[in-house]
Amino acid sequence: MASTTTTTRLLIQTHHMTSKAKIRSLTLSAAKHRLSVVLKTGKPPGIMLAEGPAASVQQWMGHVRRLRYKDYRLMKTEEVSCPEGKGLAGIVEPGKVLEIDELKAFARFLGDSHDDGNLVNWWRRGMGFVGEDK
């Protein structure tokens, strides 16, 4: 029987993410806090999806806020239970950041994460693309 772990998942939307200096700063902070992070960079919207221990996620979120992104919106944050090797940490090694520059590619990446659609469905609900009952 696979063990499950409880982790904190965070979803942030900004107007856009184009500053290489800010992206580098987010990457260094994610490595410091051992978070798995996926960024949707380039043209609007900017999206940050992070997963890891609650205290680390809170510290990383504080770092993001200090970078002063335009139209910063905390879309969703919650504790989630994932079988070991599933969720965001199952596809992005903790401490690493993956950058994706198109929204469709971002959704496709999450949908291909081999976790029975849980991650992409969580993201869609958090972004408001589907209702909470989907």
N, C-alpha and C. Protein backbone atom coordinates (compact mmCIF):
# COMPACT_ATOMS: atom_id res chain seq x y z
N MET A 1 0.84 -1.18 0.00
CA MET A 1 0.00 0.00 0.00
C MET A 1 0.89 1.24 0.00
N ALA A 2 0.60 2.18 -0.94
CA ALA A 2 1.39 3.40 -1.04
C ALA A 2 1.06 4.34 0.11
N SER A 3 2.10 4.94 0.66
CA SER A 3 1.86 5.89 1.75
C SER A 3 1.45 7.24 1.17
N THR A 4 0.70 8.00 1.96
CA THR A 4 0.30 9.33 1.54
C THR A 4 0.98 10.36 2.43
N THR A 5 1.21 11.51 1.85
CA THR A 5 1.80 12.61 2.59
C THR A 5 0.89 13.83 2.48
N THR A 6 0.90 14.66 3.50
CA THR A 6 0.15 15.91 3.47
C THR A 6 1.13 17.02 3.17
N THR A 7 0.77 17.83 2.21
CA THR A 7 1.62 18.92 1.76
C THR A 7 0.75 20.15 1.52
N THR A 8 1.38 21.30 1.43
CA THR A 8 0.65 22.52 1.15
C THR A 8 0.84 22.89 -0.31
N ARG A 9 -0.26 23.21 -0.96
CA ARG A 9 -0.24 23.61 -2.36
C ARG A 9 -0.72 25.05 -2.45
N LEU A 10 -0.06 25.84 -3.28
CA LEU A 10 -0.30 27.27 -3.39
C LEU A 10 -0.44 27.66 -4.85
N LEU A 11 -1.42 28.51 -5.15
CA LEU A 11 -1.64 29.00 -6.51
C LEU A 11 -1.74 30.52 -6.48
N ILE A 12 -0.87 31.18 -7.23
CA ILE A 12 -0.83 32.64 -7.31
C ILE A 12 -0.95 33.04 -8.77
N GLN A 13 -1.74 34.10 -9.02
CA GLN A 13 -1.83 34.66 -10.36
C GLN A 13 -1.37 36.10 -10.31
N THR A 14 -0.62 36.52 -11.32
CA THR A 14 -0.19 37.90 -11.46
C THR A 14 -0.54 38.36 -12.88
N HIS A 15 -0.33 39.64 -13.13
CA HIS A 15 -0.61 40.14 -14.48
C HIS A 15 0.27 39.42 -15.50
N HIS A 16 1.56 39.40 -15.26
CA HIS A 16 2.49 38.68 -16.13
C HIS A 16 3.78 38.41 -15.36
N MET A 17 4.63 37.57 -15.94
CA MET A 17 5.94 37.27 -15.34
C MET A 17 6.98 37.32 -16.44
N THR A 18 7.64 38.47 -16.57
CA THR A 18 8.65 38.61 -17.61
C THR A 18 10.03 38.97 -17.07
N SER A 19 10.11 39.47 -15.86
CA SER A 19 11.38 39.90 -15.29
C SER A 19 12.27 38.70 -14.97
N LYS A 20 13.39 38.61 -15.69
CA LYS A 20 14.33 37.51 -15.45
C LYS A 20 14.91 37.58 -14.04
N ALA A 21 15.10 38.79 -13.52
CA ALA A 21 15.63 38.94 -12.17
C ALA A 21 14.64 38.39 -11.13
N LYS A 22 13.35 38.68 -11.30
CA LYS A 22 12.35 38.16 -10.37
C LYS A 22 12.23 36.64 -10.48
N ILE A 23 12.25 36.13 -11.70
CA ILE A 23 12.16 34.68 -11.89
C ILE A 23 13.36 33.99 -11.26
N ARG A 24 14.54 34.56 -11.42
CA ARG A 24 15.74 34.01 -10.80
C ARG A 24 15.62 34.04 -9.27
N SER A 25 15.07 35.13 -8.73
CA SER A 25 14.87 35.24 -7.29
C SER A 25 13.89 34.18 -6.78
N LEU A 26 12.80 33.97 -7.52
CA LEU A 26 11.83 32.92 -7.15
C LEU A 26 12.48 31.54 -7.18
N THR A 27 13.32 31.31 -8.18
CA THR A 27 13.99 30.02 -8.32
C THR A 27 14.94 29.77 -7.15
N LEU A 28 15.70 30.77 -6.78
CA LEU A 28 16.62 30.63 -5.64
C LEU A 28 15.86 30.39 -4.35
N SER A 29 14.75 31.09 -4.16
CA SER A 29 13.94 30.92 -2.96
C SER A 29 13.30 29.53 -2.92
N ALA A 30 12.83 29.05 -4.07
CA ALA A 30 12.25 27.70 -4.13
C ALA A 30 13.29 26.65 -3.77
N ALA A 31 14.52 26.83 -4.24
CA ALA A 31 15.59 25.89 -3.91
C ALA A 31 15.89 25.94 -2.41
N LYS A 32 15.95 27.13 -1.86
CA LYS A 32 16.23 27.30 -0.43
C LYS A 32 15.18 26.60 0.42
N HIS A 33 13.91 26.70 0.02
CA HIS A 33 12.81 26.13 0.81
C HIS A 33 12.39 24.73 0.35
N ARG A 34 13.10 24.17 -0.64
CA ARG A 34 12.84 22.80 -1.12
C ARG A 34 11.39 22.63 -1.59
N LEU A 35 10.94 23.59 -2.42
CA LEU A 35 9.59 23.54 -2.97
C LEU A 35 9.62 23.08 -4.42
N SER A 36 8.58 22.40 -4.83
CA SER A 36 8.36 22.09 -6.24
C SER A 36 7.52 23.23 -6.80
N VAL A 37 8.00 23.86 -7.88
CA VAL A 37 7.33 25.05 -8.41
C VAL A 37 7.22 24.96 -9.93
N VAL A 38 6.05 25.36 -10.44
CA VAL A 38 5.86 25.53 -11.88
C VAL A 38 5.41 26.97 -12.09
N LEU A 39 6.08 27.65 -13.02
CA LEU A 39 5.75 29.04 -13.34
C LEU A 39 5.25 29.13 -14.77
N LYS A 40 4.20 29.91 -14.97
CA LYS A 40 3.76 30.25 -16.32
C LYS A 40 4.28 31.67 -16.53
N THR A 41 5.31 31.79 -17.38
CA THR A 41 6.00 33.06 -17.59
C THR A 41 5.60 33.67 -18.93
N GLY A 42 6.10 34.87 -19.19
CA GLY A 42 5.83 35.54 -20.46
C GLY A 42 4.58 36.38 -20.38
N LYS A 43 3.81 36.35 -21.48
CA LYS A 43 2.61 37.19 -21.55
C LYS A 43 1.58 36.78 -20.51
N PRO A 44 0.63 37.68 -20.22
CA PRO A 44 -0.38 37.40 -19.19
C PRO A 44 -1.18 36.14 -19.49
N PRO A 45 -1.63 35.49 -18.42
CA PRO A 45 -1.37 35.76 -17.01
C PRO A 45 -0.07 35.11 -16.55
N GLY A 46 0.49 35.61 -15.47
CA GLY A 46 1.58 34.93 -14.80
C GLY A 46 0.98 34.01 -13.75
N ILE A 47 1.48 32.79 -13.67
CA ILE A 47 0.94 31.81 -12.72
C ILE A 47 2.10 31.18 -11.97
N MET A 48 1.91 31.02 -10.66
CA MET A 48 2.87 30.33 -9.81
C MET A 48 2.14 29.23 -9.07
N LEU A 49 2.60 28.01 -9.24
CA LEU A 49 2.04 26.85 -8.54
C LEU A 49 3.18 26.23 -7.75
N ALA A 50 3.02 26.17 -6.43
CA ALA A 50 4.08 25.65 -5.56
C ALA A 50 3.52 24.61 -4.62
N GLU A 51 4.38 23.68 -4.23
CA GLU A 51 3.96 22.62 -3.31
C GLU A 51 5.14 22.24 -2.42
N GLY A 52 4.84 22.03 -1.13
CA GLY A 52 5.87 21.63 -0.19
C GLY A 52 5.37 21.74 1.24
N PRO A 53 6.28 21.67 2.20
CA PRO A 53 5.91 21.81 3.61
C PRO A 53 5.27 23.17 3.88
N ALA A 54 4.28 23.21 4.76
CA ALA A 54 3.50 24.42 5.03
C ALA A 54 4.37 25.63 5.37
N ALA A 55 5.32 25.47 6.27
CA ALA A 55 6.16 26.60 6.68
C ALA A 55 6.98 27.12 5.50
N SER A 56 7.48 26.22 4.68
CA SER A 56 8.27 26.62 3.51
C SER A 56 7.42 27.35 2.49
N VAL A 57 6.20 26.86 2.27
CA VAL A 57 5.29 27.52 1.33
C VAL A 57 4.97 28.93 1.82
N GLN A 58 4.72 29.10 3.11
CA GLN A 58 4.42 30.43 3.66
C GLN A 58 5.61 31.37 3.49
N GLN A 59 6.82 30.88 3.72
CA GLN A 59 8.01 31.72 3.57
C GLN A 59 8.21 32.11 2.11
N TRP A 60 8.00 31.17 1.19
CA TRP A 60 8.14 31.45 -0.23
C TRP A 60 7.09 32.46 -0.69
N MET A 61 5.86 32.31 -0.20
CA MET A 61 4.79 33.24 -0.55
C MET A 61 5.14 34.65 -0.07
N GLY A 62 5.74 34.78 1.10
CA GLY A 62 6.19 36.09 1.57
C GLY A 62 7.24 36.69 0.65
N HIS A 63 8.14 35.84 0.15
CA HIS A 63 9.16 36.29 -0.79
C HIS A 63 8.50 36.80 -2.08
N VAL A 64 7.51 36.06 -2.57
CA VAL A 64 6.79 36.47 -3.78
C VAL A 64 6.14 37.84 -3.56
N ARG A 65 5.48 38.02 -2.43
CA ARG A 65 4.81 39.30 -2.14
C ARG A 65 5.80 40.46 -2.13
N ARG A 66 6.97 40.23 -1.58
CA ARG A 66 7.98 41.30 -1.51
C ARG A 66 8.50 41.70 -2.89
N LEU A 67 8.34 40.84 -3.88
CA LEU A 67 8.78 41.17 -5.24
C LEU A 67 7.81 42.13 -5.94
N ARG A 68 6.65 42.34 -5.36
CA ARG A 68 5.69 43.34 -5.82
C ARG A 68 5.25 43.12 -7.26
N TYR A 69 4.59 42.02 -7.49
CA TYR A 69 4.03 41.73 -8.80
C TYR A 69 2.77 42.54 -9.04
N LYS A 70 2.57 42.98 -10.28
CA LYS A 70 1.36 43.70 -10.66
C LYS A 70 0.17 42.74 -10.62
N ASP A 71 -0.93 43.17 -10.06
CA ASP A 71 -2.17 42.40 -9.99
C ASP A 71 -1.96 41.04 -9.30
N TYR A 72 -1.22 41.05 -8.19
CA TYR A 72 -0.98 39.83 -7.40
C TYR A 72 -2.29 39.32 -6.83
N ARG A 73 -2.60 38.04 -7.07
CA ARG A 73 -3.80 37.44 -6.49
C ARG A 73 -3.48 36.04 -5.97
N LEU A 74 -3.70 35.84 -4.70
CA LEU A 74 -3.60 34.50 -4.12
C LEU A 74 -4.90 33.79 -4.47
N MET A 75 -4.82 32.85 -5.39
CA MET A 75 -6.02 32.19 -5.91
C MET A 75 -6.48 31.05 -5.00
N LYS A 76 -5.51 30.30 -4.46
CA LYS A 76 -5.89 29.15 -3.64
C LYS A 76 -4.67 28.66 -2.89
N THR A 77 -4.88 28.26 -1.66
CA THR A 77 -3.86 27.57 -0.89
C THR A 77 -4.57 26.58 0.02
N GLU A 78 -4.05 25.37 0.08
CA GLU A 78 -4.67 24.37 0.95
C GLU A 78 -3.73 23.20 1.20
N GLU A 79 -4.04 22.49 2.26
CA GLU A 79 -3.34 21.25 2.57
C GLU A 79 -3.96 20.16 1.70
N VAL A 80 -3.11 19.37 1.05
CA VAL A 80 -3.59 18.28 0.21
C VAL A 80 -2.88 16.99 0.60
N SER A 81 -3.58 15.89 0.48
CA SER A 81 -2.99 14.57 0.71
C SER A 81 -2.70 13.94 -0.64
N CYS A 82 -1.47 13.53 -0.83
CA CYS A 82 -1.06 12.93 -2.09
C CYS A 82 -0.36 11.61 -1.81
N PRO A 83 -0.63 10.58 -2.63
CA PRO A 83 0.18 9.38 -2.53
C PRO A 83 1.63 9.75 -2.83
N GLU A 84 2.54 9.06 -2.20
CA GLU A 84 3.96 9.35 -2.40
C GLU A 84 4.30 9.26 -3.88
N GLY A 85 5.02 10.26 -4.38
CA GLY A 85 5.39 10.31 -5.79
C GLY A 85 4.35 10.93 -6.69
N LYS A 86 3.26 11.43 -6.11
CA LYS A 86 2.20 12.07 -6.90
C LYS A 86 2.17 13.56 -6.56
N GLY A 87 1.21 14.27 -7.15
CA GLY A 87 1.14 15.70 -6.94
C GLY A 87 2.28 16.40 -7.66
N LEU A 88 2.49 17.64 -7.35
CA LEU A 88 3.52 18.42 -8.03
C LEU A 88 4.92 17.88 -7.75
N ALA A 89 5.16 17.43 -6.53
CA ALA A 89 6.49 16.90 -6.18
C ALA A 89 6.81 15.63 -6.95
N GLY A 90 5.81 14.96 -7.49
CA GLY A 90 6.04 13.77 -8.30
C GLY A 90 6.54 14.08 -9.70
N ILE A 91 6.38 15.34 -10.14
CA ILE A 91 6.80 15.70 -11.49
C ILE A 91 7.85 16.81 -11.54
N VAL A 92 7.96 17.57 -10.46
CA VAL A 92 9.00 18.59 -10.34
C VAL A 92 9.74 18.32 -9.04
N GLU A 93 11.00 18.01 -9.14
CA GLU A 93 11.80 17.67 -7.96
C GLU A 93 11.77 18.82 -6.95
N PRO A 94 11.58 18.52 -5.66
CA PRO A 94 11.62 19.58 -4.65
C PRO A 94 12.91 20.39 -4.75
N GLY A 95 12.76 21.70 -4.71
CA GLY A 95 13.90 22.60 -4.86
C GLY A 95 14.10 23.07 -6.29
N LYS A 96 13.28 22.59 -7.20
CA LYS A 96 13.41 22.94 -8.62
C LYS A 96 12.22 23.76 -9.09
N VAL A 97 12.43 24.52 -10.15
CA VAL A 97 11.39 25.34 -10.76
C VAL A 97 11.34 25.01 -12.25
N LEU A 98 10.14 24.81 -12.75
CA LEU A 98 9.93 24.58 -14.17
C LEU A 98 9.20 25.80 -14.72
N GLU A 99 9.72 26.36 -15.81
CA GLU A 99 9.08 27.50 -16.47
C GLU A 99 8.38 27.04 -17.73
N ILE A 100 7.13 27.46 -17.89
CA ILE A 100 6.35 27.16 -19.09
C ILE A 100 5.81 28.49 -19.59
N ASP A 101 5.89 28.74 -20.91
CA ASP A 101 5.53 30.07 -21.40
C ASP A 101 4.16 30.19 -22.06
N GLU A 102 3.37 29.13 -22.11
CA GLU A 102 2.03 29.22 -22.68
C GLU A 102 1.02 28.57 -21.75
N LEU A 103 -0.15 29.18 -21.64
CA LEU A 103 -1.19 28.67 -20.74
C LEU A 103 -1.63 27.26 -21.13
N LYS A 104 -1.82 27.00 -22.42
CA LYS A 104 -2.23 25.66 -22.86
C LYS A 104 -1.17 24.62 -22.51
N ALA A 105 0.09 24.98 -22.68
CA ALA A 105 1.18 24.05 -22.35
C ALA A 105 1.23 23.81 -20.84
N PHE A 106 0.94 24.85 -20.06
CA PHE A 106 0.90 24.73 -18.59
C PHE A 106 -0.18 23.72 -18.20
N ALA A 107 -1.38 23.88 -18.76
CA ALA A 107 -2.49 22.96 -18.46
C ALA A 107 -2.17 21.55 -18.93
N ARG A 108 -1.59 21.43 -20.12
CA ARG A 108 -1.24 20.12 -20.65
C ARG A 108 -0.20 19.43 -19.75
N PHE A 109 0.79 20.18 -19.29
CA PHE A 109 1.81 19.62 -18.40
C PHE A 109 1.17 19.08 -17.12
N LEU A 110 0.28 19.87 -16.51
CA LEU A 110 -0.38 19.41 -15.29
C LEU A 110 -1.27 18.21 -15.57
N GLY A 111 -1.94 18.21 -16.72
CA GLY A 111 -2.81 17.10 -17.08
C GLY A 111 -2.06 15.82 -17.36
N ASP A 112 -0.80 15.94 -17.79
CA ASP A 112 0.03 14.77 -18.08
C ASP A 112 0.81 14.29 -16.88
N SER A 113 0.46 14.75 -15.68
CA SER A 113 1.26 14.49 -14.48
C SER A 113 1.04 13.11 -13.88
N HIS A 114 0.20 12.28 -14.49
CA HIS A 114 -0.01 10.90 -14.05
C HIS A 114 -0.52 10.79 -12.62
N ASP A 115 -1.39 11.72 -12.23
CA ASP A 115 -1.99 11.63 -10.89
C ASP A 115 -3.51 11.57 -10.99
N ASP A 116 -3.99 10.96 -12.06
CA ASP A 116 -5.43 10.77 -12.29
C ASP A 116 -6.18 12.09 -12.43
N GLY A 117 -5.51 13.13 -12.87
CA GLY A 117 -6.16 14.41 -13.10
C GLY A 117 -6.34 15.27 -11.88
N ASN A 118 -5.89 14.81 -10.73
CA ASN A 118 -6.11 15.58 -9.50
C ASN A 118 -5.44 16.96 -9.54
N LEU A 119 -4.20 17.02 -10.03
CA LEU A 119 -3.45 18.27 -10.03
C LEU A 119 -4.06 19.28 -11.01
N VAL A 120 -4.33 18.85 -12.23
CA VAL A 120 -4.89 19.78 -13.21
C VAL A 120 -6.30 20.21 -12.81
N ASN A 121 -7.08 19.32 -12.22
CA ASN A 121 -8.42 19.70 -11.77
C ASN A 121 -8.34 20.69 -10.60
N TRP A 122 -7.41 20.49 -9.68
CA TRP A 122 -7.20 21.43 -8.57
C TRP A 122 -6.86 22.81 -9.12
N TRP A 123 -5.95 22.85 -10.11
CA TRP A 123 -5.53 24.11 -10.72
C TRP A 123 -6.71 24.79 -11.43
N ARG A 124 -7.47 24.04 -12.20
CA ARG A 124 -8.62 24.62 -12.92
C ARG A 124 -9.64 25.23 -11.95
N ARG A 125 -9.91 24.52 -10.85
CA ARG A 125 -10.83 25.06 -9.84
C ARG A 125 -10.25 26.33 -9.20
N GLY A 126 -8.97 26.28 -8.87
CA GLY A 126 -8.32 27.43 -8.24
C GLY A 126 -8.31 28.67 -9.12
N MET A 127 -8.16 28.47 -10.43
CA MET A 127 -8.15 29.58 -11.37
C MET A 127 -9.56 30.08 -11.68
N GLY A 128 -10.57 29.31 -11.29
CA GLY A 128 -11.95 29.70 -11.57
C GLY A 128 -12.42 29.27 -12.95
N PHE A 129 -11.67 28.36 -13.60
CA PHE A 129 -12.06 27.88 -14.93
C PHE A 129 -13.24 26.92 -14.86
N VAL A 130 -13.39 26.22 -13.73
CA VAL A 130 -14.52 25.31 -13.50
C VAL A 130 -15.01 25.54 -12.08
N GLY A 131 -16.24 25.11 -11.81
CA GLY A 131 -16.80 25.25 -10.47
C GLY A 131 -16.19 24.26 -9.50
N GLU A 132 -16.37 24.49 -8.23
CA GLU A 132 -15.82 23.63 -7.18
C GLU A 132 -16.37 22.21 -7.22
N ASP A 133 -17.55 22.02 -7.84
CA ASP A 133 -18.14 20.69 -7.86
C ASP A 133 -17.60 19.82 -8.98
N LYS A 134 -16.74 20.33 -9.83
CA LYS A 134 -16.19 19.55 -10.96
C LYS A 134 -15.01 18.74 -10.53
